[in-house]
Amino acid sequence: MSDIASNLTEVLQTALRRYPATGALWLGYSGGLDSSVLLHLLATAKIPFTALHIHHGLSAQADAWLVHCETEAARLGVPFVAMKVEVDGKRGGVEQGARDARYAAFIHKMGARDQVLLAQHGDDQSETFLLRLLRGAGVLGLGGMVQQRGIGASGEGKSLLRPLLGVSRAELEQYAAVNELRWVEDDSNADVAYDRNYLRSQVAPALKARWPLNARVAQACENLREAAGLLEELAGEDLSRCGVREESFGGSIGLTVFRDLSVPRQKNLLRGWLASLGAQMPEAAHLGQALSQLEARDDAVIEVPLGERVLRRYRDRLYLTPQLPRLELVAGEGEWSWDGVVSLALPGGWTLSPSRDWPAGEYSVRFRSHGERARPRERHHSQTLKKLLQEYGLPPWLRDQVPLVSREGTLLAVGDLFVTEEGPPKPPIWTFLD
């Protein structure tokens, strides 16, 4: 075994020992130099895995690349799977759309506790660092790619591992030459209209001629990740101080304590809160806009998108919620039958489930249509539903989506807020499936 083969094999096996997978191993195999080297390393080391090729359909050569990958995997005796995906470039451009589609395909194909290996290397890390620096990223973004992290839904144990992150592209080229590997070249890699390609061909070579770029970037990323960890701890402490709590739709914190924090700590709290929900980080401008709107008069409607979430204000609390689904009911619809036993899926992602002691029966469920009146069991007089929803503290953005449960025309329950005199002891369970 050559020195380069021995070195890279040790790097691979060290990473696998450090981050062992209890499920199956997959390789994200594009057919390019990097993944071709990792394919050969895994096969030569007789490590069981499956090569997974994602067909994006963005290049005229995509079909030929698929055939190449299948042929090379067969030559090495490696199980091979290909998946075709559709790329949506509307948010973040084609590169980001392709990445999102690729990761979604990995997650879909992987089983619980499986691990997918990607062949990103030290040069990729340097390019990512420079790219994020020039886009004005914060501490977390400048921390670069981590070697291992979880992907997919929490609790499934799926993970991603980059075993070659400390290896240079030159070392991969040397390994490929020694082992006479064959790989495909993506013609788009030469297009300097893409920022990453411009950095790779025009900027990185000049920096490497003067400094050990990969080593300096790796050290900077390690320092920045340490700083990001401290900021994460601070965000957790501030969230706790602000009384973070889970709501039926998103979560909330106390606004009074939040306002006592400095602006940098407010921004850090919001970033930490979003990260704890697995949401994407918003741009700095959006965070600034959110904080400025919180100073509006108390009766103003605050609704600021922060990536996939929305920041809202109601009374003395600040809410971070999913995007509120729009209810688009077809004419003639808007009322559903419920047996009181099986959970009822409602439009917009809502679910109505029986609470303890809720009896089986024939119920009808509909959303509020305005003008209704109701009398909670503990009240002596009926009131407008609008006033009752305010008294029970239901945030304004949910008031048109609260389900009304009736039987034979008699109102029994309003969401999970209250029951009427004719209703069961407790209201049903009303939840949103985020």
Protein backbone atom coordinates (compact mmCIF):
# COMPACT_ATOMS: atom_id res chain seq x y z
CA MET A 1 0.00 0.00 0.00
CA SER A 2 1.36 3.42 -0.97
CA ASP A 3 1.99 6.11 1.64
CA ILE A 4 -0.92 8.24 0.41
CA ALA A 5 -3.27 5.25 0.48
CA SER A 6 -2.13 4.33 3.98
CA ASN A 7 -2.55 7.92 5.22
CA LEU A 8 -6.02 8.42 3.75
CA THR A 9 -7.19 5.00 4.94
CA GLU A 10 -6.11 5.89 8.47
CA VAL A 11 -7.91 9.25 8.23
CA LEU A 12 -11.09 7.47 7.11
CA GLN A 13 -10.98 4.77 9.77
CA THR A 14 -10.19 7.30 12.51
CA ALA A 15 -13.29 9.31 11.59
CA LEU A 16 -15.46 6.18 11.54
CA ARG A 17 -14.14 5.12 14.96
CA ARG A 18 -14.76 8.59 16.37
CA TYR A 19 -18.30 8.79 14.95
CA PRO A 20 -19.54 5.20 14.65
CA ALA A 21 -22.87 4.52 12.97
CA THR A 22 -25.16 1.87 14.46
CA GLY A 23 -27.16 1.70 11.23
CA ALA A 24 -26.14 1.37 7.59
CA LEU A 25 -23.44 3.43 5.87
CA TRP A 26 -24.17 5.39 2.68
CA LEU A 27 -21.84 7.34 0.42
CA GLY A 28 -23.01 10.46 -1.39
CA TYR A 29 -21.44 9.52 -4.74
CA SER A 30 -21.52 12.19 -7.45
CA GLY A 31 -18.86 10.61 -9.63
CA GLY A 32 -16.46 13.54 -9.21
CA LEU A 33 -12.86 13.23 -8.00
CA ASP A 34 -13.63 13.61 -4.28
CA SER A 35 -16.41 11.05 -3.97
CA SER A 36 -14.61 8.68 -6.34
CA VAL A 37 -11.62 8.64 -3.97
CA LEU A 38 -13.87 8.01 -0.97
CA LEU A 39 -15.69 5.24 -2.88
CA HIS A 40 -12.37 3.53 -3.61
CA LEU A 41 -11.08 3.99 -0.04
CA LEU A 42 -14.21 2.42 1.46
CA ALA A 43 -14.27 -0.46 -1.00
CA THR A 44 -10.55 -1.20 -0.56
CA ALA A 45 -10.92 -1.16 3.23
CA LYS A 46 -13.85 -3.63 2.83
CA ILE A 47 -16.19 -1.38 4.80
CA PRO A 48 -19.83 -2.28 3.99
CA PHE A 49 -21.73 0.64 2.44
CA THR A 50 -24.09 1.63 -0.37
CA ALA A 51 -23.23 4.27 -2.97
CA LEU A 52 -26.10 6.76 -3.40
CA HIS A 53 -26.09 8.90 -6.55
CA ILE A 54 -28.38 11.93 -6.81
CA HIS A 55 -29.46 12.78 -10.36
CA HIS A 56 -30.24 16.53 -10.32
CA GLY A 57 -31.03 16.78 -14.03
CA LEU A 58 -29.27 20.15 -14.29
CA SER A 59 -26.66 19.12 -16.86
CA ALA A 60 -27.00 17.57 -20.28
CA GLN A 61 -24.43 15.01 -19.07
CA ALA A 62 -26.45 13.97 -16.00
CA ASP A 63 -27.56 10.66 -17.53
CA ALA A 64 -23.99 9.83 -18.57
CA TRP A 65 -22.76 10.59 -15.05
CA LEU A 66 -25.32 8.20 -13.61
CA VAL A 67 -24.14 5.42 -15.97
CA HIS A 68 -20.51 6.12 -15.03
CA CYS A 69 -21.26 5.94 -11.30
CA GLU A 70 -23.22 2.71 -11.63
CA THR A 71 -20.41 1.17 -13.69
CA GLU A 72 -17.66 2.15 -11.23
CA ALA A 73 -19.65 0.92 -8.24
CA ALA A 74 -20.25 -2.42 -9.98
CA ARG A 75 -16.56 -2.72 -10.84
CA LEU A 76 -15.71 -2.40 -7.13
CA GLY A 77 -18.55 -4.66 -6.01
CA VAL A 78 -20.38 -1.84 -4.23
CA PRO A 79 -24.21 -1.75 -3.94
CA PHE A 80 -25.56 1.23 -5.89
CA VAL A 81 -28.74 3.29 -5.68
CA ALA A 82 -29.70 6.31 -7.80
CA MET A 83 -32.41 8.88 -7.07
CA LYS A 84 -33.75 11.58 -9.37
CA VAL A 85 -34.71 14.89 -7.75
CA GLU A 86 -36.28 18.17 -8.82
CA VAL A 87 -34.31 21.32 -8.02
CA ASP A 88 -36.12 24.47 -6.89
CA GLY A 89 -33.81 27.44 -7.36
CA LYS A 90 -36.31 30.10 -6.33
CA ARG A 91 -34.92 30.41 -2.80
CA GLY A 92 -31.16 30.86 -2.66
CA GLY A 93 -30.41 30.05 -6.31
CA VAL A 94 -29.70 26.83 -8.19
CA GLU A 95 -26.71 25.81 -6.04
CA GLN A 96 -28.71 26.05 -2.82
CA GLY A 97 -31.71 24.38 -4.46
CA ALA A 98 -29.57 21.45 -5.61
CA ARG A 99 -28.08 21.10 -2.14
CA ASP A 100 -31.52 21.16 -0.49
CA ALA A 101 -32.84 18.53 -2.92
CA ARG A 102 -29.77 16.35 -2.39
CA TYR A 103 -30.00 16.41 1.39
CA ALA A 104 -33.75 15.75 1.28
CA ALA A 105 -33.03 12.68 -0.88
CA PHE A 106 -30.39 11.44 1.58
CA ILE A 107 -32.79 11.79 4.50
CA HIS A 108 -35.60 10.07 2.58
CA LYS A 109 -33.46 7.08 1.65
CA MET A 110 -31.69 6.60 4.99
CA GLY A 111 -33.10 4.50 7.79
CA ALA A 112 -32.98 5.25 11.50
CA ARG A 113 -29.40 5.54 12.84
CA ASP A 114 -27.93 5.39 9.30
CA GLN A 115 -24.98 7.58 8.37
CA VAL A 116 -24.17 9.19 5.02
CA LEU A 117 -20.53 9.97 4.15
CA LEU A 118 -19.66 13.03 2.08
CA ALA A 119 -16.26 13.62 0.49
CA GLN A 120 -15.84 17.33 1.20
CA HIS A 121 -12.22 18.17 1.99
CA GLY A 122 -10.00 20.92 3.37
CA ASP A 123 -10.09 23.04 0.20
CA ASP A 124 -13.90 22.93 0.30
CA GLN A 125 -13.75 24.15 3.90
CA SER A 126 -11.52 27.09 2.93
CA GLU A 127 -13.83 28.04 0.05
CA THR A 128 -16.87 27.83 2.32
CA PHE A 129 -15.19 30.05 4.91
CA LEU A 130 -14.25 32.70 2.33
CA LEU A 131 -17.67 32.55 0.70
CA ARG A 132 -19.47 33.06 4.01
CA LEU A 133 -17.03 35.78 5.04
CA LEU A 134 -17.76 37.74 1.87
CA ARG A 135 -21.50 37.29 2.43
CA GLY A 136 -21.19 38.80 5.91
CA ALA A 137 -21.85 35.64 7.93
CA GLY A 138 -21.72 35.67 11.72
CA VAL A 139 -19.73 33.54 14.13
CA LEU A 140 -21.78 30.39 13.60
CA GLY A 141 -21.59 30.58 9.80
CA LEU A 142 -17.87 31.31 9.81
CA GLY A 143 -17.36 28.18 11.92
CA GLY A 144 -17.57 26.35 8.61
CA MET A 145 -18.62 22.79 7.97
CA VAL A 146 -18.49 20.41 10.93
CA GLN A 147 -17.12 16.92 10.49
CA GLN A 148 -20.25 15.23 11.84
CA ARG A 149 -23.81 16.33 12.57
CA GLY A 150 -27.31 14.95 12.76
CA ILE A 151 -29.71 15.32 9.83
CA GLY A 152 -33.41 14.70 9.42
CA ALA A 153 -35.98 14.55 12.19
CA SER A 154 -34.68 14.54 15.74
CA GLY A 155 -34.90 11.15 17.39
CA GLU A 156 -34.19 9.16 14.22
CA GLY A 157 -30.43 9.19 14.77
CA LYS A 158 -29.55 9.87 11.13
CA SER A 159 -26.19 11.57 10.68
CA LEU A 160 -23.76 13.01 8.17
CA LEU A 161 -20.00 12.48 8.33
CA ARG A 162 -17.23 14.23 6.37
CA PRO A 163 -14.22 11.96 7.04
CA LEU A 164 -11.88 13.80 4.62
CA LEU A 165 -12.42 17.33 5.91
CA GLY A 166 -8.80 17.58 7.06
CA VAL A 167 -7.41 16.35 3.73
CA SER A 168 -6.40 18.60 0.82
CA ARG A 169 -7.60 18.25 -2.75
CA ALA A 170 -3.97 17.74 -3.81
CA GLU A 171 -3.81 14.61 -1.63
CA LEU A 172 -7.00 13.28 -3.22
CA GLU A 173 -5.54 13.93 -6.68
CA GLN A 174 -2.39 12.07 -5.69
CA TYR A 175 -4.42 9.07 -4.45
CA ALA A 176 -6.50 9.06 -7.64
CA ALA A 177 -3.36 9.10 -9.81
CA VAL A 178 -1.67 6.25 -7.88
CA ASN A 179 -4.81 4.09 -8.13
CA GLU A 180 -5.67 5.12 -11.71
CA LEU A 181 -9.18 6.18 -10.77
CA ARG A 182 -11.69 7.45 -13.28
CA TRP A 183 -14.11 10.26 -12.49
CA VAL A 184 -16.38 12.77 -14.20
CA GLU A 185 -15.78 16.51 -14.51
CA ASP A 186 -18.77 18.82 -14.06
CA ASP A 187 -18.42 21.45 -16.77
CA SER A 188 -20.16 24.01 -14.54
CA ASN A 189 -17.14 23.95 -12.20
CA ALA A 190 -15.28 26.13 -14.71
CA ASP A 191 -17.99 28.81 -14.77
CA VAL A 192 -16.69 31.73 -12.69
CA ALA A 193 -20.17 33.25 -12.66
CA TYR A 194 -20.65 31.01 -9.61
CA ASP A 195 -19.05 32.58 -6.54
CA ARG A 196 -17.50 29.34 -5.31
CA ASN A 197 -15.87 28.65 -8.66
CA TYR A 198 -14.47 32.18 -8.76
CA LEU A 199 -12.93 31.78 -5.31
CA ARG A 200 -11.50 28.37 -6.25
CA SER A 201 -9.86 29.47 -9.48
CA GLN A 202 -9.05 33.15 -8.95
CA VAL A 203 -8.68 33.80 -5.21
CA ALA A 204 -7.61 30.65 -3.36
CA PRO A 205 -4.47 29.98 -5.46
CA ALA A 206 -3.10 33.47 -4.70
CA LEU A 207 -3.77 33.05 -0.96
CA LYS A 208 -2.17 29.60 -0.93
CA ALA A 209 0.95 30.99 -2.60
CA ARG A 210 1.58 33.16 0.46
CA TRP A 211 -0.10 31.35 3.41
CA PRO A 212 -0.98 27.77 4.42
CA LEU A 213 -4.64 28.58 3.69
CA ASN A 214 -6.30 25.32 4.67
CA ALA A 215 -4.48 25.08 8.01
CA ARG A 216 -5.19 28.72 8.90
CA VAL A 217 -8.87 28.39 7.97
CA ALA A 218 -9.19 25.13 9.93
CA GLN A 219 -7.78 26.86 13.04
CA ALA A 220 -10.05 29.88 12.56
CA CYS A 221 -13.09 27.63 12.16
CA GLU A 222 -12.24 25.76 15.35
CA ASN A 223 -11.91 29.04 17.27
CA LEU A 224 -15.15 30.39 15.83
CA ARG A 225 -17.07 27.19 16.63
CA GLU A 226 -15.85 27.50 20.23
CA ALA A 227 -17.12 31.08 20.34
CA ALA A 228 -20.40 29.97 18.76
CA GLY A 229 -20.74 27.35 21.49
CA LEU A 230 -20.40 30.02 24.17
CA LEU A 231 -23.02 32.17 22.43
CA GLU A 232 -25.31 29.15 22.27
CA GLU A 233 -24.93 28.66 26.03
CA LEU A 234 -25.71 32.33 26.63
CA ALA A 235 -28.80 32.11 24.41
CA GLY A 236 -30.02 29.12 26.40
CA GLU A 237 -29.55 30.96 29.70
CA ASP A 238 -31.35 34.05 28.36
CA LEU A 239 -34.22 31.94 26.99
CA SER A 240 -34.62 30.37 30.41
CA ARG A 241 -34.60 33.79 32.10
CA CYS A 242 -37.28 34.98 29.68
CA GLY A 243 -39.54 32.06 30.64
CA VAL A 244 -39.55 30.20 27.33
CA ARG A 245 -42.54 27.91 27.02
CA GLU A 246 -44.13 25.72 24.39
CA GLU A 247 -47.45 26.87 22.98
CA SER A 248 -50.07 25.03 20.96
CA PHE A 249 -48.68 26.91 17.96
CA GLY A 250 -44.95 27.60 18.31
CA GLY A 251 -43.43 28.95 21.52
CA SER A 252 -43.22 32.16 23.50
CA ILE A 253 -41.02 34.13 25.91
CA GLY A 254 -41.69 36.97 28.33
CA LEU A 255 -41.35 40.32 26.59
CA THR A 256 -40.43 42.37 29.68
CA VAL A 257 -37.24 40.42 30.46
CA PHE A 258 -36.37 40.25 26.75
CA ARG A 259 -36.49 44.04 26.47
CA ASP A 260 -34.06 44.36 29.39
CA LEU A 261 -31.37 42.54 27.39
CA SER A 262 -28.89 44.42 25.24
CA VAL A 263 -29.57 44.42 21.51
CA PRO A 264 -26.70 41.99 20.74
CA ARG A 265 -28.06 39.60 23.38
CA GLN A 266 -31.59 39.95 21.97
CA LYS A 267 -30.28 38.99 18.53
CA ASN A 268 -28.28 36.12 19.99
CA LEU A 269 -31.34 34.86 21.87
CA LEU A 270 -33.44 34.88 18.70
CA ARG A 271 -30.72 33.02 16.78
CA GLY A 272 -30.40 30.46 19.57
CA TRP A 273 -34.17 30.06 19.75
CA LEU A 274 -34.38 29.45 16.01
CA ALA A 275 -31.46 27.01 16.14
CA SER A 276 -33.15 25.03 18.93
CA LEU A 277 -36.12 24.55 16.59
CA GLY A 278 -33.92 23.42 13.70
CA ALA A 279 -34.84 26.51 11.68
CA GLN A 280 -32.57 28.29 9.22
CA MET A 281 -30.79 31.43 10.38
CA PRO A 282 -32.30 34.69 9.10
CA GLU A 283 -30.26 37.50 7.59
CA ALA A 284 -28.99 40.16 9.99
CA ALA A 285 -31.24 42.78 8.35
CA HIS A 286 -34.33 40.72 9.16
CA LEU A 287 -33.30 40.43 12.80
CA GLY A 288 -32.83 44.19 12.98
CA GLN A 289 -36.24 44.74 11.41
CA ALA A 290 -37.83 42.38 13.91
CA LEU A 291 -36.35 44.20 16.90
CA SER A 292 -37.34 47.63 15.58
CA GLN A 293 -40.95 46.53 15.08
CA LEU A 294 -41.19 45.30 18.66
CA GLU A 295 -41.07 48.94 19.74
CA ALA A 296 -44.36 49.69 17.96
CA ARG A 297 -47.42 50.64 20.01
CA ASP A 298 -48.94 47.90 22.13
CA ASP A 299 -52.00 47.34 19.92
CA ALA A 300 -49.99 47.11 16.69
CA VAL A 301 -49.94 43.80 14.82
CA ILE A 302 -46.36 42.48 14.78
CA GLU A 303 -45.64 39.79 12.20
CA VAL A 304 -42.02 39.56 11.02
CA PRO A 305 -40.82 36.57 8.96
CA LEU A 306 -37.53 35.11 10.20
CA GLY A 307 -36.69 32.44 7.65
CA GLU A 308 -39.16 29.58 8.11
CA ARG A 309 -40.61 31.12 11.29
CA VAL A 310 -42.58 34.23 12.18
CA LEU A 311 -41.95 36.53 15.15
CA ARG A 312 -45.20 37.84 16.68
CA ARG A 313 -46.18 39.82 19.77
CA TYR A 314 -49.27 39.43 21.94
CA ARG A 315 -49.85 41.08 25.29
CA ASP A 316 -46.68 40.65 27.37
CA ARG A 317 -45.14 37.78 25.40
CA LEU A 318 -43.10 37.35 22.25
CA TYR A 319 -44.04 34.39 20.03
CA LEU A 320 -41.99 32.45 17.52
CA THR A 321 -44.37 30.43 15.36
CA PRO A 322 -44.38 28.41 12.15
CA GLN A 323 -45.71 30.12 9.05
CA LEU A 324 -49.48 30.28 9.52
CA PRO A 325 -51.19 28.14 6.86
CA ARG A 326 -53.85 29.89 4.86
CA LEU A 327 -57.22 28.20 5.01
CA GLU A 328 -58.49 27.83 1.46
CA LEU A 329 -61.77 26.01 1.82
CA VAL A 330 -63.70 24.95 -1.25
CA ALA A 331 -67.23 26.35 -1.48
CA GLY A 332 -69.66 24.05 0.29
CA GLU A 333 -66.98 22.68 2.60
CA GLY A 334 -66.02 23.88 6.05
CA GLU A 335 -67.72 21.33 8.32
CA TRP A 336 -66.37 17.91 9.22
CA SER A 337 -67.79 14.85 10.97
CA TRP A 338 -65.89 13.45 13.96
CA ASP A 339 -66.45 10.29 15.95
CA GLY A 340 -64.70 11.57 19.08
CA VAL A 341 -62.35 8.58 19.06
CA VAL A 342 -59.87 8.91 16.20
CA SER A 343 -57.89 12.13 15.78
CA LEU A 344 -59.41 14.41 13.16
CA ALA A 345 -57.07 16.10 10.67
CA LEU A 346 -58.24 19.64 9.91
CA PRO A 347 -57.13 21.96 7.10
CA GLY A 348 -53.96 23.96 7.68
CA GLY A 349 -52.08 21.30 9.65
CA TRP A 350 -54.34 21.23 12.72
CA THR A 351 -55.46 18.09 14.55
CA LEU A 352 -58.36 17.57 16.95
CA SER A 353 -58.00 14.63 19.34
CA PRO A 354 -60.20 13.39 22.20
CA SER A 355 -59.10 14.30 25.71
CA ARG A 356 -59.41 11.89 28.60
CA ASP A 357 -63.08 10.97 29.23
CA TRP A 358 -64.16 12.58 25.95
CA PRO A 359 -67.07 10.32 24.84
CA ALA A 360 -67.44 8.74 21.44
CA GLY A 361 -70.30 10.18 19.44
CA GLU A 362 -71.38 11.91 16.27
CA TYR A 363 -69.90 15.42 16.29
CA SER A 364 -69.61 18.15 13.73
CA VAL A 365 -66.56 20.41 13.65
CA ARG A 366 -66.18 23.75 11.91
CA PHE A 367 -64.09 26.89 12.14
CA ARG A 368 -65.32 30.17 13.54
CA SER A 369 -67.40 32.23 11.10
CA HIS A 370 -67.84 35.37 13.31
CA GLY A 371 -70.93 36.49 15.16
CA GLU A 372 -71.20 33.32 17.29
CA ARG A 373 -72.01 33.41 20.98
CA ALA A 374 -71.13 30.85 23.63
CA ARG A 375 -71.45 30.28 27.37
CA PRO A 376 -68.58 28.49 29.07
CA ARG A 377 -69.73 26.04 31.74
CA GLU A 378 -68.53 28.22 34.60
CA ARG A 379 -70.32 31.37 33.29
CA HIS A 380 -73.92 32.46 33.94
CA HIS A 381 -74.37 34.37 30.71
CA SER A 382 -73.34 33.91 27.11
CA GLN A 383 -70.93 36.28 25.40
CA THR A 384 -69.70 36.81 21.89
CA LEU A 385 -67.08 34.29 20.89
CA LYS A 386 -64.82 37.17 19.86
CA LYS A 387 -64.79 38.51 23.45
CA LEU A 388 -64.39 35.03 24.95
CA LEU A 389 -61.37 34.26 22.77
CA GLN A 390 -59.78 37.49 23.95
CA GLU A 391 -60.51 36.66 27.60
CA TYR A 392 -59.07 33.16 27.25
CA GLY A 393 -55.89 34.65 25.80
CA LEU A 394 -56.01 33.02 22.37
CA PRO A 395 -53.58 34.99 20.16
CA PRO A 396 -55.32 36.94 17.37
CA TRP A 397 -53.64 34.97 14.57
CA LEU A 398 -55.34 31.75 15.73
CA ARG A 399 -58.87 33.02 16.31
CA ASP A 400 -60.15 32.21 12.82
CA GLN A 401 -58.73 28.68 13.02
CA VAL A 402 -60.13 27.57 16.38
CA PRO A 403 -62.41 24.54 15.87
CA LEU A 404 -65.96 24.60 17.23
CA VAL A 405 -67.29 21.16 18.23
CA SER A 406 -71.06 20.64 18.17
CA ARG A 407 -73.57 17.81 18.40
CA GLU A 408 -77.01 18.12 16.83
CA GLY A 409 -76.53 21.87 16.49
CA THR A 410 -75.47 22.44 20.13
CA LEU A 411 -72.03 23.90 20.75
CA LEU A 412 -70.03 21.68 23.13
CA ALA A 413 -66.44 22.92 23.00
CA VAL A 414 -64.31 25.72 21.57
CA GLY A 415 -60.88 24.33 20.67
CA ASP A 416 -59.02 23.31 23.80
CA LEU A 417 -60.12 26.48 25.61
CA PHE A 418 -63.46 25.64 27.23
CA VAL A 419 -66.62 23.50 27.13
CA THR A 420 -70.21 24.61 27.46
CA GLU A 421 -72.77 23.33 29.95
CA GLU A 422 -73.80 20.62 27.49
CA GLY A 423 -70.25 19.48 26.79
CA PRO A 424 -68.03 16.77 28.33
CA PRO A 425 -65.93 17.56 31.45
CA LYS A 426 -62.89 18.72 29.48
CA PRO A 427 -62.34 20.19 26.00
CA PRO A 428 -60.61 18.12 23.31
CA ILE A 429 -56.93 18.40 22.42
CA TRP A 430 -56.19 20.91 19.67
CA THR A 431 -52.68 20.77 18.23
CA PHE A 432 -50.69 21.91 15.25
CA LEU A 433 -48.41 19.40 13.50
CA ASP A 434 -45.25 21.43 12.84
